[in-house]
Amino acid sequence: MMFETTTIFILGRVLLSFFLLFFGFSHLVSISNFTKIAKRAKIPFPKFSVFVTGVLFIVASTSFIFWVYVNVALWYLITFFIISALWIHRFWEYSKKDQHTNSFNSFVSNMLVASVLMILSLFI
């Protein structure tokens, strides 16, 4: 039983870290695309905000890999995903079905991730 629990724990940390690294590097590599989205959402200092977000995703990823400052990383991510859902993925503002659907899916995904991270924070 202990082996399976440890294996699942490590696998979960690796998968979470992989996705956070992916999010971080995609923000940095596609900074111009994310900056356009941030400008559209009227986020202050859009390019700087995208850059900082990308770096913080990478920092959060390393936090989970090395299991240091995990609570800080969790609450940064929870805050980010909720703010991102409410500020960027405002599906209720779109009248075109495809834009509404894409934004709704992103909104729900962000809120789902934030919810799971909140639950995880209770066990750390």
N, C-alpha and C. Protein backbone atom coordinates (compact mmCIF):
# COMPACT_ATOMS: atom_id res chain seq x y z
N MET A 1 0.82 -1.20 0.00
CA MET A 1 0.00 0.00 0.00
C MET A 1 0.86 1.26 0.00
N MET A 2 1.92 1.27 0.82
CA MET A 2 2.79 2.43 0.90
C MET A 2 3.47 2.71 -0.44
N PHE A 3 3.91 1.67 -1.13
CA PHE A 3 4.57 1.84 -2.43
C PHE A 3 3.64 2.51 -3.43
N GLU A 4 2.39 2.05 -3.49
CA GLU A 4 1.44 2.61 -4.45
C GLU A 4 1.16 4.07 -4.14
N THR A 5 1.01 4.40 -2.85
CA THR A 5 0.74 5.78 -2.46
C THR A 5 1.91 6.68 -2.84
N THR A 6 3.12 6.24 -2.56
CA THR A 6 4.31 7.02 -2.90
C THR A 6 4.44 7.18 -4.41
N THR A 7 4.19 6.12 -5.14
CA THR A 7 4.28 6.17 -6.60
C THR A 7 3.26 7.15 -7.17
N ILE A 8 2.03 7.09 -6.69
CA ILE A 8 0.99 8.00 -7.17
C ILE A 8 1.35 9.44 -6.83
N PHE A 9 1.85 9.66 -5.62
CA PHE A 9 2.25 11.00 -5.18
C PHE A 9 3.33 11.56 -6.09
N ILE A 10 4.35 10.77 -6.37
CA ILE A 10 5.45 11.23 -7.24
C ILE A 10 4.95 11.44 -8.67
N LEU A 11 4.16 10.51 -9.17
CA LEU A 11 3.62 10.65 -10.52
C LEU A 11 2.76 11.91 -10.63
N GLY A 12 1.94 12.17 -9.64
CA GLY A 12 1.12 13.38 -9.63
C GLY A 12 1.96 14.64 -9.64
N ARG A 13 3.01 14.66 -8.84
CA ARG A 13 3.91 15.81 -8.80
C ARG A 13 4.59 16.03 -10.15
N VAL A 14 5.04 14.95 -10.78
CA VAL A 14 5.72 15.05 -12.08
C VAL A 14 4.75 15.56 -13.14
N LEU A 15 3.54 15.02 -13.17
CA LEU A 15 2.55 15.47 -14.17
C LEU A 15 2.17 16.93 -13.96
N LEU A 16 1.91 17.31 -12.72
CA LEU A 16 1.57 18.70 -12.43
C LEU A 16 2.72 19.61 -12.84
N SER A 17 3.94 19.22 -12.50
CA SER A 17 5.12 20.03 -12.85
C SER A 17 5.28 20.15 -14.36
N PHE A 18 5.04 19.05 -15.07
CA PHE A 18 5.14 19.07 -16.53
C PHE A 18 4.16 20.08 -17.12
N PHE A 19 2.91 20.05 -16.69
CA PHE A 19 1.92 20.97 -17.24
C PHE A 19 2.23 22.41 -16.87
N LEU A 20 2.70 22.64 -15.66
CA LEU A 20 3.06 24.00 -15.26
C LEU A 20 4.25 24.51 -16.07
N LEU A 21 5.23 23.63 -16.31
CA LEU A 21 6.36 24.02 -17.17
C LEU A 21 5.87 24.36 -18.58
N PHE A 22 4.96 23.53 -19.09
CA PHE A 22 4.40 23.78 -20.41
C PHE A 22 3.70 25.14 -20.45
N PHE A 23 2.85 25.42 -19.44
CA PHE A 23 2.15 26.71 -19.39
C PHE A 23 3.17 27.85 -19.32
N GLY A 24 4.18 27.69 -18.49
CA GLY A 24 5.18 28.74 -18.33
C GLY A 24 5.94 29.02 -19.60
N PHE A 25 6.46 27.97 -20.22
CA PHE A 25 7.22 28.16 -21.45
C PHE A 25 6.33 28.65 -22.60
N SER A 26 5.08 28.21 -22.63
CA SER A 26 4.20 28.69 -23.70
C SER A 26 3.92 30.18 -23.52
N HIS A 27 3.82 30.66 -22.28
CA HIS A 27 3.65 32.09 -22.06
C HIS A 27 4.88 32.87 -22.54
N LEU A 28 6.07 32.30 -22.32
CA LEU A 28 7.30 33.00 -22.70
C LEU A 28 7.57 32.91 -24.20
N VAL A 29 7.34 31.75 -24.79
CA VAL A 29 7.60 31.56 -26.21
C VAL A 29 6.57 32.31 -27.06
N SER A 30 5.33 32.31 -26.63
CA SER A 30 4.25 32.98 -27.38
C SER A 30 3.84 34.26 -26.69
N ILE A 31 4.82 35.01 -26.19
CA ILE A 31 4.51 36.20 -25.39
C ILE A 31 3.69 37.22 -26.17
N SER A 32 3.92 37.33 -27.48
CA SER A 32 3.15 38.31 -28.26
C SER A 32 1.68 37.92 -28.36
N ASN A 33 1.42 36.63 -28.54
CA ASN A 33 0.01 36.18 -28.60
C ASN A 33 -0.69 36.37 -27.27
N PHE A 34 -0.02 35.99 -26.17
CA PHE A 34 -0.62 36.15 -24.85
C PHE A 34 -0.77 37.63 -24.49
N THR A 35 0.16 38.47 -24.97
CA THR A 35 0.07 39.91 -24.72
C THR A 35 -1.16 40.50 -25.40
N LYS A 36 -1.47 40.05 -26.61
CA LYS A 36 -2.69 40.50 -27.30
C LYS A 36 -3.93 40.16 -26.48
N ILE A 37 -3.96 38.95 -25.96
CA ILE A 37 -5.10 38.52 -25.13
C ILE A 37 -5.17 39.38 -23.87
N ALA A 38 -4.02 39.64 -23.26
CA ALA A 38 -3.98 40.45 -22.04
C ALA A 38 -4.42 41.89 -22.32
N LYS A 39 -4.01 42.43 -23.48
CA LYS A 39 -4.44 43.79 -23.85
C LYS A 39 -5.95 43.84 -24.05
N ARG A 40 -6.49 42.81 -24.74
CA ARG A 40 -7.93 42.74 -24.97
C ARG A 40 -8.70 42.69 -23.65
N ALA A 41 -8.12 42.05 -22.65
CA ALA A 41 -8.76 41.91 -21.35
C ALA A 41 -8.47 43.12 -20.44
N LYS A 42 -7.70 44.09 -20.99
CA LYS A 42 -7.35 45.31 -20.26
C LYS A 42 -6.57 45.01 -18.97
N ILE A 43 -5.65 44.06 -19.07
CA ILE A 43 -4.77 43.74 -17.95
C ILE A 43 -3.65 44.78 -17.93
N PRO A 44 -3.37 45.35 -16.76
CA PRO A 44 -2.30 46.35 -16.68
C PRO A 44 -0.95 45.76 -17.06
N PHE A 45 -0.15 46.55 -17.73
CA PHE A 45 1.20 46.14 -18.17
C PHE A 45 1.15 44.75 -18.80
N PRO A 46 0.42 44.61 -19.92
CA PRO A 46 0.15 43.28 -20.46
C PRO A 46 1.38 42.43 -20.76
N LYS A 47 2.39 42.98 -21.42
CA LYS A 47 3.56 42.17 -21.78
C LYS A 47 4.31 41.75 -20.52
N PHE A 48 4.50 42.68 -19.60
CA PHE A 48 5.17 42.38 -18.35
C PHE A 48 4.38 41.34 -17.55
N SER A 49 3.06 41.49 -17.52
CA SER A 49 2.21 40.54 -16.79
C SER A 49 2.31 39.13 -17.37
N VAL A 50 2.34 39.03 -18.68
CA VAL A 50 2.48 37.72 -19.33
C VAL A 50 3.84 37.12 -19.00
N PHE A 51 4.88 37.93 -19.05
CA PHE A 51 6.22 37.45 -18.74
C PHE A 51 6.30 36.94 -17.29
N VAL A 52 5.80 37.75 -16.37
CA VAL A 52 5.84 37.36 -14.95
C VAL A 52 5.03 36.10 -14.72
N THR A 53 3.88 36.00 -15.37
CA THR A 53 3.05 34.80 -15.23
C THR A 53 3.79 33.57 -15.73
N GLY A 54 4.46 33.68 -16.87
CA GLY A 54 5.24 32.55 -17.40
C GLY A 54 6.33 32.13 -16.45
N VAL A 55 7.05 33.10 -15.91
CA VAL A 55 8.13 32.79 -14.96
C VAL A 55 7.55 32.14 -13.70
N LEU A 56 6.43 32.67 -13.20
CA LEU A 56 5.84 32.11 -11.99
C LEU A 56 5.32 30.69 -12.20
N PHE A 57 4.83 30.38 -13.39
CA PHE A 57 4.45 28.99 -13.69
C PHE A 57 5.67 28.07 -13.60
N ILE A 58 6.79 28.53 -14.13
CA ILE A 58 8.02 27.73 -14.09
C ILE A 58 8.51 27.58 -12.64
N VAL A 59 8.45 28.66 -11.88
CA VAL A 59 8.86 28.61 -10.47
C VAL A 59 7.94 27.65 -9.69
N ALA A 60 6.62 27.74 -9.94
CA ALA A 60 5.68 26.83 -9.27
C ALA A 60 5.98 25.39 -9.65
N SER A 61 6.34 25.17 -10.89
CA SER A 61 6.67 23.82 -11.33
C SER A 61 7.86 23.27 -10.56
N THR A 62 8.90 24.07 -10.43
CA THR A 62 10.08 23.60 -9.68
C THR A 62 9.75 23.42 -8.21
N SER A 63 8.82 24.19 -7.70
CA SER A 63 8.38 24.02 -6.32
C SER A 63 7.77 22.64 -6.11
N PHE A 64 6.98 22.18 -7.06
CA PHE A 64 6.38 20.85 -6.96
C PHE A 64 7.39 19.74 -7.21
N ILE A 65 8.35 19.98 -8.10
CA ILE A 65 9.38 18.97 -8.37
C ILE A 65 10.23 18.73 -7.11
N PHE A 66 10.69 19.84 -6.49
CA PHE A 66 11.58 19.72 -5.34
C PHE A 66 10.84 19.74 -4.00
N TRP A 67 9.54 19.94 -4.05
CA TRP A 67 8.66 19.94 -2.88
C TRP A 67 9.12 20.97 -1.84
N VAL A 68 9.34 22.21 -2.31
CA VAL A 68 9.68 23.33 -1.45
C VAL A 68 8.72 24.48 -1.71
N TYR A 69 8.34 25.19 -0.68
CA TYR A 69 7.40 26.33 -0.78
C TYR A 69 6.12 25.94 -1.53
N VAL A 70 5.66 24.74 -1.29
CA VAL A 70 4.50 24.22 -2.02
C VAL A 70 3.25 25.04 -1.74
N ASN A 71 3.03 25.42 -0.47
CA ASN A 71 1.84 26.22 -0.15
C ASN A 71 1.84 27.56 -0.88
N VAL A 72 3.00 28.19 -0.98
CA VAL A 72 3.11 29.45 -1.70
C VAL A 72 2.76 29.24 -3.17
N ALA A 73 3.31 28.20 -3.76
CA ALA A 73 3.03 27.89 -5.16
C ALA A 73 1.54 27.59 -5.36
N LEU A 74 0.98 26.80 -4.44
CA LEU A 74 -0.45 26.46 -4.56
C LEU A 74 -1.32 27.71 -4.54
N TRP A 75 -1.08 28.59 -3.58
CA TRP A 75 -1.95 29.77 -3.47
C TRP A 75 -1.70 30.77 -4.58
N TYR A 76 -0.48 30.84 -5.11
CA TYR A 76 -0.26 31.66 -6.31
C TYR A 76 -1.11 31.10 -7.46
N LEU A 77 -1.04 29.79 -7.67
CA LEU A 77 -1.77 29.16 -8.78
C LEU A 77 -3.28 29.28 -8.60
N ILE A 78 -3.76 29.07 -7.39
CA ILE A 78 -5.20 29.20 -7.13
C ILE A 78 -5.65 30.61 -7.48
N THR A 79 -4.91 31.59 -6.99
CA THR A 79 -5.25 33.00 -7.27
C THR A 79 -5.20 33.28 -8.77
N PHE A 80 -4.14 32.81 -9.42
CA PHE A 80 -4.00 33.04 -10.86
C PHE A 80 -5.17 32.44 -11.64
N PHE A 81 -5.49 31.18 -11.38
CA PHE A 81 -6.53 30.52 -12.17
C PHE A 81 -7.91 31.14 -11.95
N ILE A 82 -8.19 31.59 -10.75
CA ILE A 82 -9.49 32.24 -10.50
C ILE A 82 -9.54 33.60 -11.18
N ILE A 83 -8.49 34.40 -11.01
CA ILE A 83 -8.46 35.72 -11.65
C ILE A 83 -8.49 35.58 -13.17
N SER A 84 -7.72 34.64 -13.68
CA SER A 84 -7.71 34.41 -15.13
C SER A 84 -9.09 34.02 -15.64
N ALA A 85 -9.75 33.14 -14.92
CA ALA A 85 -11.10 32.71 -15.33
C ALA A 85 -12.05 33.91 -15.36
N LEU A 86 -12.02 34.71 -14.32
CA LEU A 86 -12.98 35.82 -14.21
C LEU A 86 -12.62 37.02 -15.07
N TRP A 87 -11.34 37.25 -15.29
CA TRP A 87 -10.91 38.46 -15.99
C TRP A 87 -10.67 38.22 -17.48
N ILE A 88 -10.15 37.08 -17.84
CA ILE A 88 -9.80 36.83 -19.24
C ILE A 88 -10.86 36.00 -19.96
N HIS A 89 -11.39 35.00 -19.31
CA HIS A 89 -12.31 34.07 -19.96
C HIS A 89 -13.77 34.42 -19.65
N ARG A 90 -14.16 35.65 -20.00
CA ARG A 90 -15.51 36.14 -19.73
C ARG A 90 -16.46 35.69 -20.84
N PHE A 91 -16.81 34.43 -20.78
CA PHE A 91 -17.63 33.82 -21.84
C PHE A 91 -18.97 34.52 -22.00
N TRP A 92 -19.48 35.11 -20.94
CA TRP A 92 -20.80 35.75 -20.97
C TRP A 92 -20.81 37.01 -21.85
N GLU A 93 -19.64 37.49 -22.26
CA GLU A 93 -19.57 38.67 -23.10
C GLU A 93 -19.61 38.36 -24.61
N TYR A 94 -19.52 37.08 -24.97
CA TYR A 94 -19.45 36.71 -26.38
C TYR A 94 -20.82 36.28 -26.90
N SER A 95 -21.15 36.82 -28.07
CA SER A 95 -22.41 36.42 -28.69
C SER A 95 -22.21 35.33 -29.75
N LYS A 96 -21.01 35.29 -30.35
CA LYS A 96 -20.72 34.24 -31.33
C LYS A 96 -20.52 32.92 -30.59
N LYS A 97 -21.16 31.89 -31.12
CA LYS A 97 -21.16 30.59 -30.45
C LYS A 97 -19.76 30.02 -30.24
N ASP A 98 -18.90 30.09 -31.28
CA ASP A 98 -17.56 29.51 -31.13
C ASP A 98 -16.73 30.26 -30.10
N GLN A 99 -16.80 31.59 -30.08
CA GLN A 99 -16.06 32.37 -29.08
C GLN A 99 -16.61 32.08 -27.68
N HIS A 100 -17.93 32.02 -27.57
CA HIS A 100 -18.58 31.74 -26.29
C HIS A 100 -18.14 30.37 -25.77
N THR A 101 -18.17 29.37 -26.65
CA THR A 101 -17.82 28.00 -26.26
C THR A 101 -16.36 27.90 -25.85
N ASN A 102 -15.44 28.48 -26.65
CA ASN A 102 -14.01 28.44 -26.31
C ASN A 102 -13.73 29.13 -24.98
N SER A 103 -14.33 30.29 -24.79
CA SER A 103 -14.11 31.03 -23.56
C SER A 103 -14.74 30.31 -22.37
N PHE A 104 -15.92 29.72 -22.57
CA PHE A 104 -16.57 28.96 -21.51
C PHE A 104 -15.72 27.77 -21.10
N ASN A 105 -15.18 27.05 -22.09
CA ASN A 105 -14.32 25.90 -21.78
C ASN A 105 -13.08 26.30 -21.00
N SER A 106 -12.47 27.41 -21.37
CA SER A 106 -11.30 27.91 -20.65
C SER A 106 -11.67 28.34 -19.23
N PHE A 107 -12.82 29.00 -19.10
CA PHE A 107 -13.31 29.42 -17.79
C PHE A 107 -13.50 28.21 -16.88
N VAL A 108 -14.20 27.21 -17.38
CA VAL A 108 -14.48 26.02 -16.58
C VAL A 108 -13.17 25.29 -16.24
N SER A 109 -12.27 25.19 -17.20
CA SER A 109 -10.98 24.52 -16.96
C SER A 109 -10.20 25.23 -15.86
N ASN A 110 -10.13 26.55 -15.92
CA ASN A 110 -9.41 27.31 -14.90
C ASN A 110 -10.04 27.13 -13.53
N MET A 111 -11.37 27.19 -13.46
CA MET A 111 -12.04 27.03 -12.18
C MET A 111 -11.87 25.61 -11.64
N LEU A 112 -11.86 24.63 -12.54
CA LEU A 112 -11.64 23.24 -12.12
C LEU A 112 -10.25 23.07 -11.52
N VAL A 113 -9.24 23.60 -12.20
CA VAL A 113 -7.87 23.50 -11.69
C VAL A 113 -7.76 24.21 -10.34
N ALA A 114 -8.34 25.41 -10.23
CA ALA A 114 -8.30 26.14 -8.96
C ALA A 114 -8.97 25.34 -7.85
N SER A 115 -10.09 24.71 -8.15
CA SER A 115 -10.80 23.91 -7.15
C SER A 115 -9.97 22.73 -6.67
N VAL A 116 -9.34 22.03 -7.61
CA VAL A 116 -8.52 20.87 -7.25
C VAL A 116 -7.31 21.32 -6.41
N LEU A 117 -6.71 22.45 -6.78
CA LEU A 117 -5.58 22.95 -6.02
C LEU A 117 -6.01 23.38 -4.61
N MET A 118 -7.22 23.92 -4.48
CA MET A 118 -7.72 24.27 -3.14
C MET A 118 -7.85 23.03 -2.28
N ILE A 119 -8.40 21.97 -2.86
CA ILE A 119 -8.53 20.72 -2.11
C ILE A 119 -7.15 20.18 -1.74
N LEU A 120 -6.21 20.22 -2.68
CA LEU A 120 -4.86 19.75 -2.42
C LEU A 120 -4.21 20.55 -1.28
N SER A 121 -4.49 21.84 -1.23
CA SER A 121 -3.87 22.69 -0.19
C SER A 121 -4.28 22.24 1.21
N LEU A 122 -5.40 21.57 1.35
CA LEU A 122 -5.84 21.10 2.66
C LEU A 122 -4.99 19.96 3.19
N PHE A 123 -4.29 19.27 2.31
CA PHE A 123 -3.52 18.09 2.69
C PHE A 123 -2.03 18.36 2.78
N ILE A 124 -1.64 19.60 2.64
CA ILE A 124 -0.20 19.93 2.66
C ILE A 124 0.10 20.78 3.89
